[in-house]
Protein backbone atom coordinates (compact mmCIF):
# COMPACT_ATOMS: atom_id res chain seq x y z
CA MET A 1 30.42 33.44 22.15
CA LYS A 2 31.48 36.67 20.98
CA LYS A 3 29.92 36.06 17.97
CA LYS A 4 26.41 35.20 19.09
CA ILE A 5 26.25 37.86 21.02
CA PHE A 6 27.56 40.78 17.75
CA LEU A 7 24.52 38.95 15.67
CA SER A 8 22.31 39.07 18.58
CA ILE A 9 23.08 42.85 18.73
CA LEU A 10 23.49 43.23 14.54
CA SER A 11 19.58 41.33 14.52
CA ILE A 12 17.69 43.66 17.16
CA VAL A 13 19.24 46.63 15.44
CA LEU A 14 18.44 46.31 11.32
CA THR A 15 14.83 45.09 13.42
CA VAL A 16 14.73 48.37 14.84
CA ALA A 17 15.59 50.05 12.19
CA ALA A 18 12.76 48.20 10.10
CA VAL A 19 10.38 49.09 12.02
CA PHE A 20 11.15 53.05 12.39
CA SER A 21 12.14 53.33 8.61
CA CYS A 22 7.71 51.88 8.25
CA PHE A 23 6.47 53.76 10.18
CA ALA A 24 8.48 56.55 8.91
CA ALA A 25 6.95 56.11 5.51
CA THR A 26 3.93 55.87 6.67
CA LEU A 27 3.80 58.98 8.24
CA SER A 28 5.34 60.49 5.43
CA LEU A 29 2.54 59.45 2.80
CA HIS A 30 -0.04 61.04 6.20
CA THR A 31 1.75 64.24 6.23
CA SER A 32 1.41 64.37 2.31
CA ASN A 33 -1.99 63.07 3.10
CA SER A 34 -2.72 65.37 5.96
CA SER A 35 -1.00 68.33 4.51
CA ALA A 36 -3.11 68.67 0.54
CA THR A 37 -7.00 67.60 3.13
CA LEU A 38 -5.61 71.06 4.89
CA ASP A 39 -4.77 72.91 1.80
CA GLU A 40 -8.04 72.43 0.14
CA SER A 41 -10.28 73.32 3.53
CA ALA A 42 -8.20 76.71 4.65
CA THR A 43 -11.13 77.85 6.66
CA ALA A 44 -11.70 74.14 8.99
CA ASP A 45 -12.26 74.65 13.20
CA LYS A 46 -9.20 73.41 15.13
CA PRO A 47 -11.64 70.48 15.81
CA ALA A 48 -11.22 69.29 12.43
CA ASP A 49 -7.93 69.15 12.97
CA ALA A 50 -8.41 67.41 15.84
CA GLN A 51 -10.06 64.52 14.32
CA ASN A 52 -7.53 64.53 10.82
CA SER A 53 -5.32 64.20 13.79
CA ASP A 54 -6.77 60.88 15.14
CA SER A 55 -7.17 59.72 11.46
CA ALA A 56 -3.58 60.43 11.30
CA LEU A 57 -2.94 57.08 14.61
CA ASP A 58 -5.57 54.71 12.63
CA ILE A 59 -3.61 55.10 10.01
CA ILE A 60 0.20 54.92 11.98
CA TYR A 61 -2.06 51.41 13.37
CA THR A 62 -3.41 50.36 10.28
CA SER A 63 -0.35 49.60 8.57
CA LEU A 64 2.36 48.83 11.43
CA PRO A 65 1.06 45.19 11.49
CA ASP A 66 1.89 44.78 7.09
CA CYS A 67 4.80 46.32 7.73
CA LEU A 68 5.90 44.44 11.58
CA HIS A 69 3.66 40.81 9.03
CA SER A 70 6.81 40.42 7.34
CA ILE A 71 10.16 41.75 9.90
CA THR A 72 8.65 38.67 11.12
CA ASN A 73 9.23 36.23 8.49
CA ILE A 74 12.26 37.88 8.32
CA SER A 75 13.65 36.30 12.10
CA LYS A 76 10.82 33.10 11.52
CA LYS A 77 13.37 29.39 12.66
CA THR A 78 13.93 27.23 10.46
CA TYR A 79 15.33 23.63 11.05
CA VAL A 80 16.24 21.20 7.95
CA LYS A 81 15.66 17.42 8.79
CA ASP A 82 17.12 14.62 6.66
CA SER A 83 15.93 14.06 3.77
CA MET A 84 14.26 11.40 1.94
CA SER A 85 13.74 8.34 -0.49
CA LEU A 86 10.87 7.31 -1.83
CA LYS A 87 9.97 5.43 -5.12
CA GLN A 88 6.63 6.74 -7.15
CA GLY A 89 3.48 5.09 -5.78
CA ASP A 90 5.27 5.25 -1.88
CA ILE A 91 3.44 6.72 0.91
CA LYS A 92 5.22 8.08 4.56
CA PHE A 93 4.33 10.71 6.79
CA PHE A 94 5.97 13.63 8.10
CA GLU A 95 7.14 12.66 11.69
CA LEU A 96 6.19 14.87 14.50
CA THR A 97 7.59 15.54 18.31
CA ASN A 98 4.41 16.39 20.59
CA ASP A 99 5.79 19.76 20.90
CA GLU A 100 5.19 20.58 16.61
CA GLU A 101 2.15 18.40 17.32
CA ALA A 102 0.96 21.01 19.46
CA THR A 103 1.86 24.23 17.80
CA LEU A 104 1.46 23.21 13.86
CA LEU A 105 -0.14 25.22 11.90
CA SER A 106 -0.13 23.58 8.12
CA PHE A 107 1.97 21.62 5.59
CA GLN A 108 3.08 22.49 2.22
CA SER A 109 4.26 20.94 -1.21
CA SER A 110 7.07 22.97 -3.01
CA ASP A 111 5.77 20.67 -5.96
CA THR A 112 3.17 19.11 -5.94
CA ARG A 113 3.76 17.23 -9.92
CA VAL A 114 6.50 15.62 -6.75
CA ILE A 115 4.80 14.58 -4.19
CA THR A 116 1.65 16.14 -1.94
CA VAL A 117 1.03 16.75 1.36
CA ASP A 118 -2.60 16.50 3.07
CA SER A 119 -2.96 17.99 6.80
CA GLY A 120 -2.36 15.17 8.65
CA GLY A 121 1.40 15.60 6.13
CA ARG A 122 0.74 12.36 4.67
CA ILE A 123 3.31 12.47 1.63
CA ASP A 124 2.47 10.04 -2.28
CA ALA A 125 5.12 10.02 -3.61
CA ILE A 126 3.58 11.11 -7.49
CA GLY A 127 6.44 11.96 -9.91
CA ALA A 128 10.18 11.99 -10.29
CA GLY A 129 12.07 14.20 -8.80
CA THR A 130 12.57 16.60 -6.16
CA ALA A 131 10.44 19.34 -3.93
CA LYS A 132 10.85 20.21 -0.44
CA VAL A 133 8.08 19.55 2.73
CA THR A 134 7.34 22.28 4.64
CA ALA A 135 5.65 22.36 8.39
CA GLU A 136 5.08 24.98 9.85
CA PHE A 137 4.07 26.13 12.82
CA SER A 138 2.41 27.79 15.65
CA ASN A 139 5.95 29.59 17.40
CA ASN A 140 6.69 31.18 14.53
CA SER A 141 8.63 27.90 12.88
CA ALA A 142 9.08 26.12 10.33
CA ALA A 143 10.53 22.60 9.35
CA GLU A 144 11.77 21.37 6.11
CA PHE A 145 12.95 18.00 4.73
CA LYS A 146 14.33 17.16 0.80
CA VAL A 147 12.26 14.49 -0.64
CA THR A 148 13.40 12.84 -3.83
CA VAL A 149 11.32 10.69 -5.97
CA THR A 150 13.25 8.39 -8.27
CA SER A 151 10.72 6.09 -10.96
CA ASP A 152 9.89 2.08 -8.85
CA GLY A 153 10.80 0.05 -12.41
CA ALA A 154 8.81 -2.51 -11.35
CA CYS A 155 9.61 -5.47 -13.73
CA ASN A 156 6.88 -7.92 -15.23
CA ASP A 157 8.76 -10.35 -13.53
CA THR A 158 8.42 -9.68 -11.10
CA ALA A 159 4.78 -9.24 -10.74
CA PRO A 160 3.50 -11.72 -7.96
CA ASN A 161 0.97 -14.34 -9.68
CA MET A 162 -2.63 -13.67 -9.73
CA PHE A 163 -4.22 -16.88 -9.95
CA SER A 164 -2.63 -19.06 -7.95
CA THR A 165 -3.02 -18.59 -3.86
CA CYS A 166 0.64 -20.37 -3.63
CA ILE A 167 3.18 -19.26 -1.03
CA THR A 168 6.80 -18.53 -2.01
CA GLY A 169 9.75 -18.01 -1.46
CA ASN A 170 13.88 -17.99 -1.56
CA GLU A 171 13.05 -17.11 -5.39
CA ASP A 172 16.98 -15.60 -4.91
CA ILE A 173 18.33 -19.25 -4.77
CA LEU A 174 15.97 -20.71 -7.30
CA ALA A 175 16.88 -18.65 -9.52
CA LYS A 176 20.59 -19.40 -8.79
CA ASN A 177 19.57 -23.02 -9.19
CA GLN A 178 17.51 -22.48 -12.36
CA ASN A 179 20.70 -20.22 -14.25
CA SER A 180 23.83 -22.65 -13.02
CA ASP A 181 25.06 -25.57 -15.12
CA ASN A 182 24.15 -28.51 -12.92
CA ASP A 183 21.58 -31.31 -14.76
CA LYS A 184 20.83 -31.74 -12.07
CA ASN A 185 16.10 -31.82 -10.79
CA LEU A 186 15.60 -28.69 -10.27
CA TYR A 187 12.54 -29.66 -7.56
CA LEU A 188 11.77 -32.65 -4.79
CA ILE A 189 8.07 -32.64 -3.37
CA LYS A 190 7.02 -33.30 -0.55
CA VAL A 191 2.21 -34.23 0.33
CA ASN A 192 1.37 -34.04 3.84
CA ARG A 193 -1.13 -35.61 4.21
CA THR A 194 -2.83 -33.91 7.63
CA GLN A 195 -2.44 -30.98 6.46
CA ASN A 196 -3.39 -31.28 2.73
CA CYS A 197 -0.32 -29.57 1.83
CA VAL A 198 2.44 -29.67 -0.83
CA THR A 199 5.65 -27.70 -0.57
CA VAL A 200 8.33 -27.85 -3.00
CA TYR A 201 11.60 -27.74 -1.80
CA THR A 202 15.19 -27.35 -4.13
CA TYR A 203 18.32 -27.61 -3.71
CA ASP A 204 21.34 -25.82 -1.62
CA GLU A 205 24.75 -24.99 -1.95
CA ASN A 206 25.32 -29.18 -0.97
CA GLY A 207 22.14 -30.47 -3.10
CA GLU A 208 20.36 -31.33 -0.51
CA TYR A 209 16.38 -30.65 -1.18
CA THR A 210 16.09 -28.29 2.02
CA VAL A 211 15.11 -24.94 0.48
CA PRO A 212 11.97 -24.53 -0.22
CA VAL A 213 10.49 -22.41 -2.86
CA ARG A 214 6.36 -23.28 -3.36
CA ALA A 215 3.06 -24.16 -1.12
CA MET A 216 0.35 -25.02 -2.04
CA VAL A 217 -3.30 -26.24 -0.99
CA CYS A 218 -4.77 -29.73 -1.12
CA SER A 219 -7.05 -32.24 -0.68
CA THR A 220 -5.26 -36.08 0.35
CA GLY A 221 -8.03 -38.81 0.02
CA LYS A 222 -11.34 -38.97 2.52
CA ASN A 223 -10.27 -41.64 5.29
CA ASN A 224 -6.07 -41.30 4.81
CA GLN A 225 -6.47 -43.71 1.20
CA THR A 226 -4.06 -42.07 -0.12
CA ILE A 227 -0.96 -43.52 -0.54
CA THR A 228 2.55 -42.28 2.02
CA GLY A 229 5.73 -42.73 0.93
CA THR A 230 8.77 -42.18 -1.94
CA TYR A 231 7.54 -42.31 -5.88
CA GLY A 232 8.72 -40.53 -8.56
CA ILE A 233 5.93 -38.92 -11.67
CA TYR A 234 6.23 -41.68 -14.12
CA PHE A 235 3.76 -40.01 -16.75
CA LYS A 236 1.77 -37.08 -17.05
CA ASN A 237 -1.65 -35.89 -18.91
CA GLU A 238 -3.55 -32.79 -19.71
CA TRP A 239 -6.87 -34.87 -19.20
CA HIS A 240 -7.10 -38.10 -17.85
CA ALA A 241 -10.43 -39.50 -16.61
CA LEU A 242 -11.05 -40.17 -13.19
CA PHE A 243 -13.50 -42.92 -11.12
CA ASP A 244 -17.07 -41.68 -11.46
CA ASN A 245 -17.02 -40.79 -14.23
CA VAL A 246 -15.09 -37.76 -14.40
CA TYR A 247 -11.60 -36.31 -15.11
CA GLY A 248 -8.37 -35.01 -13.96
CA GLN A 249 -6.84 -31.51 -15.88
CA TYR A 250 -3.08 -31.09 -16.02
CA VAL A 251 -2.35 -35.32 -14.39
CA SER A 252 0.61 -36.25 -12.95
CA GLY A 253 1.12 -39.81 -11.80
CA ILE A 254 2.29 -40.27 -8.99
CA SER A 255 2.77 -44.21 -8.21
CA GLY A 256 -0.82 -46.89 -9.91
CA ASN A 257 -4.28 -45.28 -9.34
CA TYR A 258 -2.59 -42.48 -7.24
CA LEU A 259 -2.09 -39.17 -9.22
CA PHE A 260 -1.59 -35.06 -9.70
CA HIS A 261 -4.79 -33.38 -10.55
CA SER A 262 -6.99 -30.93 -10.30
CA VAL A 263 -9.92 -30.32 -9.03
CA PRO A 264 -13.15 -33.52 -10.92
CA TYR A 265 -15.12 -31.54 -13.83
CA TYR A 266 -18.20 -33.32 -15.11
CA SER A 267 -16.28 -33.47 -18.70
CA PRO A 268 -12.51 -32.27 -20.09
CA GLN A 269 -14.16 -29.06 -20.14
CA PRO A 270 -12.33 -26.31 -18.22
CA ASP A 271 -15.72 -24.53 -17.72
CA GLU A 272 -17.56 -28.64 -16.04
CA LEU A 273 -15.09 -27.92 -12.69
CA GLU A 274 -17.50 -29.56 -10.19
CA VAL A 275 -17.49 -26.15 -7.58
CA ASP A 276 -18.65 -28.04 -4.82
CA GLU A 277 -15.41 -30.55 -4.98
CA TYR A 278 -13.61 -27.95 -5.59
CA ASN A 279 -14.43 -25.93 -2.06
CA LYS A 280 -13.13 -28.87 0.05
CA LEU A 281 -9.55 -28.43 -1.31
CA GLY A 282 -7.82 -27.93 2.08
CA THR A 283 -9.25 -31.28 3.51
CA GLN A 284 -9.34 -34.62 2.95
CA ALA A 285 -11.91 -34.95 -0.17
CA SER A 286 -10.48 -37.32 -2.69
CA LEU A 287 -10.48 -40.94 -3.18
CA GLY A 288 -6.69 -41.15 -2.54
CA CYS A 289 -5.37 -38.43 -5.19
CA VAL A 290 -3.51 -35.82 -3.88
CA ARG A 291 -6.35 -32.18 -5.66
CA LEU A 292 -4.37 -28.66 -6.86
CA ALA A 293 -6.42 -25.77 -8.20
CA VAL A 294 -5.59 -25.12 -11.72
CA ALA A 295 -3.27 -22.53 -11.74
CA ASP A 296 -0.95 -25.13 -9.18
CA ALA A 297 -1.57 -28.55 -10.94
CA LYS A 298 -0.15 -27.16 -14.25
CA TRP A 299 3.22 -26.10 -12.40
CA ILE A 300 3.43 -29.50 -11.57
CA PHE A 301 2.49 -30.15 -14.92
CA ASP A 302 4.54 -27.43 -16.20
CA ASN A 303 7.94 -27.36 -14.14
CA CYS A 304 8.35 -30.99 -12.36
CA PRO A 305 9.68 -33.68 -14.98
CA LEU A 306 9.61 -37.15 -15.33
CA ASN A 307 11.47 -38.61 -12.11
CA THR A 308 10.28 -35.72 -9.68
CA THR A 309 10.87 -37.53 -6.18
CA VAL A 310 7.62 -37.23 -4.16
CA THR A 311 7.34 -37.56 -0.71
CA ILE A 312 4.06 -38.14 1.02
CA TYR A 313 4.20 -38.15 4.98
CA ASP A 314 2.37 -37.32 7.84
CA ASP A 315 2.62 -34.29 9.56
CA ASP A 316 0.67 -31.98 11.98
CA ASN A 317 2.95 -29.03 10.71
CA PRO A 318 2.04 -28.10 7.30
CA GLY A 319 5.61 -27.17 6.57
CA PRO A 320 7.80 -24.48 6.51
CA LEU A 321 6.35 -22.17 4.38
CA GLY A 322 3.00 -22.81 5.43
CA LYS A 323 -0.28 -23.68 4.50
CA PRO A 324 -1.76 -21.73 1.64
CA LYS A 325 -5.81 -20.84 2.73
CA ALA A 326 -8.39 -22.18 -0.91
CA ILE A 327 -9.66 -19.34 -2.80
CA LYS A 328 -13.64 -20.50 -2.17
CA ILE A 329 -15.76 -20.05 -5.12
CA THR A 330 -19.59 -18.99 -4.75
CA ASP A 331 -21.27 -18.53 -7.72
CA LYS A 332 -22.14 -21.52 -8.22
CA LYS A 333 -23.33 -21.43 -11.47
CA CYS A 334 -20.01 -20.94 -13.23
CA GLY A 335 -18.18 -24.00 -13.76
CA TRP A 336 -14.69 -22.42 -14.14
CA ASP A 337 -11.85 -22.83 -11.19
CA PRO A 338 -10.85 -18.93 -10.56
CA THR A 339 -6.99 -19.31 -10.94
CA ASP A 340 -7.83 -21.27 -14.53
CA ASN A 341 -5.36 -18.76 -16.44
CA ASN A 342 -7.12 -19.95 -19.64
CA ASP A 343 -7.97 -17.04 -22.05
CA LYS A 344 -11.91 -17.64 -21.95
CA ASN A 345 -12.20 -18.31 -17.51
CA PRO A 346 -14.74 -15.26 -16.66
CA TYR A 347 -12.47 -14.92 -13.42
CA ASN A 348 -9.95 -13.38 -15.95
CA ASP A 349 -11.01 -9.74 -15.71
CA LYS A 350 -12.32 -9.88 -11.59
CA ALA A 351 -9.93 -8.64 -8.73
CA PRO A 352 -11.72 -7.82 -5.03
CA VAL A 353 -14.00 -4.69 -4.29
CA ILE A 354 -13.95 -1.90 -1.32
CA LYS A 355 -17.31 -0.96 -0.86
CA GLY A 356 -18.98 1.86 0.46
CA ALA A 357 -15.12 4.57 0.45
CA LYS A 358 -17.03 8.36 0.12
CA ASP A 359 -15.51 11.20 0.68
CA CYS A 360 -17.10 12.61 4.35
CA THR A 361 -16.41 16.02 6.22
CA VAL A 362 -16.73 15.69 9.91
CA ALA A 363 -16.46 18.50 12.93
CA GLN A 364 -13.46 19.42 14.51
CA ASN A 365 -13.50 17.34 17.98
CA SER A 366 -15.09 14.75 16.69
CA LYS A 367 -14.95 10.92 15.67
CA PHE A 368 -13.29 8.98 12.32
CA GLU A 369 -14.54 5.96 11.87
CA PRO A 370 -13.06 4.99 8.96
CA LEU A 371 -14.21 1.29 9.28
CA LYS A 372 -18.00 2.69 9.29
CA ASN A 373 -20.01 1.20 6.13
CA ILE A 374 -16.61 -0.45 4.76
CA LYS A 375 -16.56 -3.80 3.25
CA ALA A 376 -14.81 -5.71 0.80
CA LEU A 377 -15.19 -8.69 -1.16
CA ASP A 378 -12.35 -11.19 -3.21
CA THR A 379 -12.67 -11.59 -6.60
CA CYS A 380 -15.31 -14.41 -5.94
CA SER A 381 -16.74 -12.31 -3.60
CA ASN A 382 -16.31 -13.54 -0.37
CA ASP A 383 -15.88 -10.86 2.15
CA ILE A 384 -12.48 -10.30 3.05
CA THR A 385 -13.66 -6.92 5.00
CA ASP A 386 -10.97 -7.65 8.48
CA LYS A 387 -8.39 -7.60 5.16
CA VAL A 388 -9.20 -4.37 4.47
CA GLU A 389 -5.42 -1.85 5.39
CA ILE A 390 -6.35 1.67 5.90
CA ILE A 391 -3.12 4.52 5.24
CA GLY A 392 -4.04 8.06 7.50
CA ASN A 393 -3.86 10.10 9.87
CA VAL A 394 -7.39 12.09 10.44
CA THR A 395 -6.51 14.45 13.22
CA THR A 396 -9.72 16.00 13.98
CA SER A 397 -8.61 18.34 16.33
CA ARG A 398 -6.99 19.92 13.67
CA LYS A 399 -8.87 21.09 11.00
CA GLY A 400 -8.22 20.52 7.03
CA VAL A 401 -8.22 18.20 4.83
CA TYR A 402 -7.00 14.53 5.36
CA LYS A 403 -6.71 12.11 2.62
CA VAL A 404 -6.84 8.34 3.25
CA THR A 405 -6.29 5.03 1.83
CA TYR A 406 -7.84 1.20 1.35
CA SER A 407 -6.37 -1.32 0.25
CA VAL A 408 -6.65 -5.17 0.06
CA ILE A 409 -5.83 -7.99 -1.12
CA ASP A 410 -6.82 -11.33 -1.94
CA THR A 411 -5.42 -15.01 -2.21
CA LEU A 412 -4.91 -15.27 -5.93
CA ASN A 413 -2.90 -12.07 -4.81
CA ARG A 414 -4.74 -9.21 -6.10
CA THR A 415 -5.73 -5.89 -4.96
CA ALA A 416 -8.07 -3.32 -4.45
CA THR A 417 -7.58 0.02 -3.86
CA THR A 418 -10.02 3.36 -3.33
CA ASP A 419 -8.64 7.06 -1.73
CA ILE A 420 -11.22 8.87 -0.05
CA TYR A 421 -10.67 12.51 0.93
CA VAL A 422 -11.68 13.47 4.77
CA THR A 423 -12.79 17.34 6.12
CA VAL A 424 -12.38 18.60 8.86
CA LYS A 425 -14.92 21.58 9.71
C-alpha cells in the first residue's frame, strides 16, 4: 500500500515538474524575443507593450499543448494481452470487450512484413517472424499482444485431391495399415444400392473391416437391377466393351457382367463421354453395373487388388462418411469427365471463380452488404454462391479501411479466393 502511494506521489511530482519546465522554456523563449523587439522599438508607446504582452500569452497557450501531449504519452496505460501463434496464411481477429470496442481509435502492426491489421482488427499472417499488434483507445489507454508467425510447412502429400468428389476419413489408421507388415488386404468395399453410394473400409486393430476411409457417389442399376450379396473382384481392364455399343474405363469385375466402371463412353476415347449419363451420377441409371466418376473408378482399379471383397446391400443410411455430391457438367460439347486426371483433360486448368468482388467505399453508419452482386461458379460453371465464405469485420460506425476475403471450395476440392478493401468514410 505504501509503495502504491509513493509511486502515485512520484508520478504527480514528475508531471508538475514537466509542466513547469515546459512553461519556463516557453516563457524564456518569449522573453528573449520580446527583449529583442523592445530594443528595436525603444520609442514604442504603452499600447504596443500591452500588445506584446498579449502575444506572449498567445505563444504560451499555443506551446503548452505540445508539452502536455508529451506528458500524456508518458502516462498512457498500456496493458498486454495473451500472445498468439499463427501460420503463414492464417487470419485471426483482435478480440475486444464491449467497452474497448466503444472507445477504439485504431489498430497498428509493428511489422507489416510479418502481420497486417485492418481497421476492424483483422490480422493476416504474412511472413515468418514476430510482431506486435496495438489497439489505441480514446481513454488514453492501449492494448497490445505479440504475434509469432511460422511457416506453414505444407507438404504436397497432404494436399487435397483436386479431381475426385469423394469423402475421406481415418487417414491415420489407413496410413498405419499401409505401413504395417501385415499381408492382409487393405480394403473391403460396400455398395449401398438404395443410396447409390460406395464406402471403402480398412481393418481395425482386431482385423475387422470397420474403419471407413473413402466414400464415393455412384449409379447402380435402374429398378434395382444391380445384384446384392458378397463377391470378390475377379478381373480388371482399363477399357472394356459394355452393352449397347459403349465402353467403360477402369473396369473392375464384381460378378459376371456386373462391374465397377466409369460412366459409359461412345468409344474407348477419354473425350467421348456420355455427358447426359454422367449427370445422373447419384441416382439409379445403369443396366446393373456400378458406375463411378473416372477418378473413383480408377481409385478402385489402382488400389483394390483381385479378390477384394465387395458387398452390395440396401439401406436408407448412405454410410458412415455420408454420400458425396456429384459435380454436373454444363458444357455438353465437352466430352471429358472433369475428374479424369488425363494430361489432355481441359478441366485440369479450370477452377472455381468468384465474380462481383470489388473494392468499395461506404458512408459512415450505412449498411455494408458483403454478398451484394457476388456470384461463385464451380469448375464446371455451376452456381455455388451459397458455398461462399466471408472473412472480415467491417464496422461502418467507425471510419477506416477494412479487408474482406471471399473464398469458395467446390465438390472437386478446388478453391477460389479473392480480397477486397472496404473504405468507410
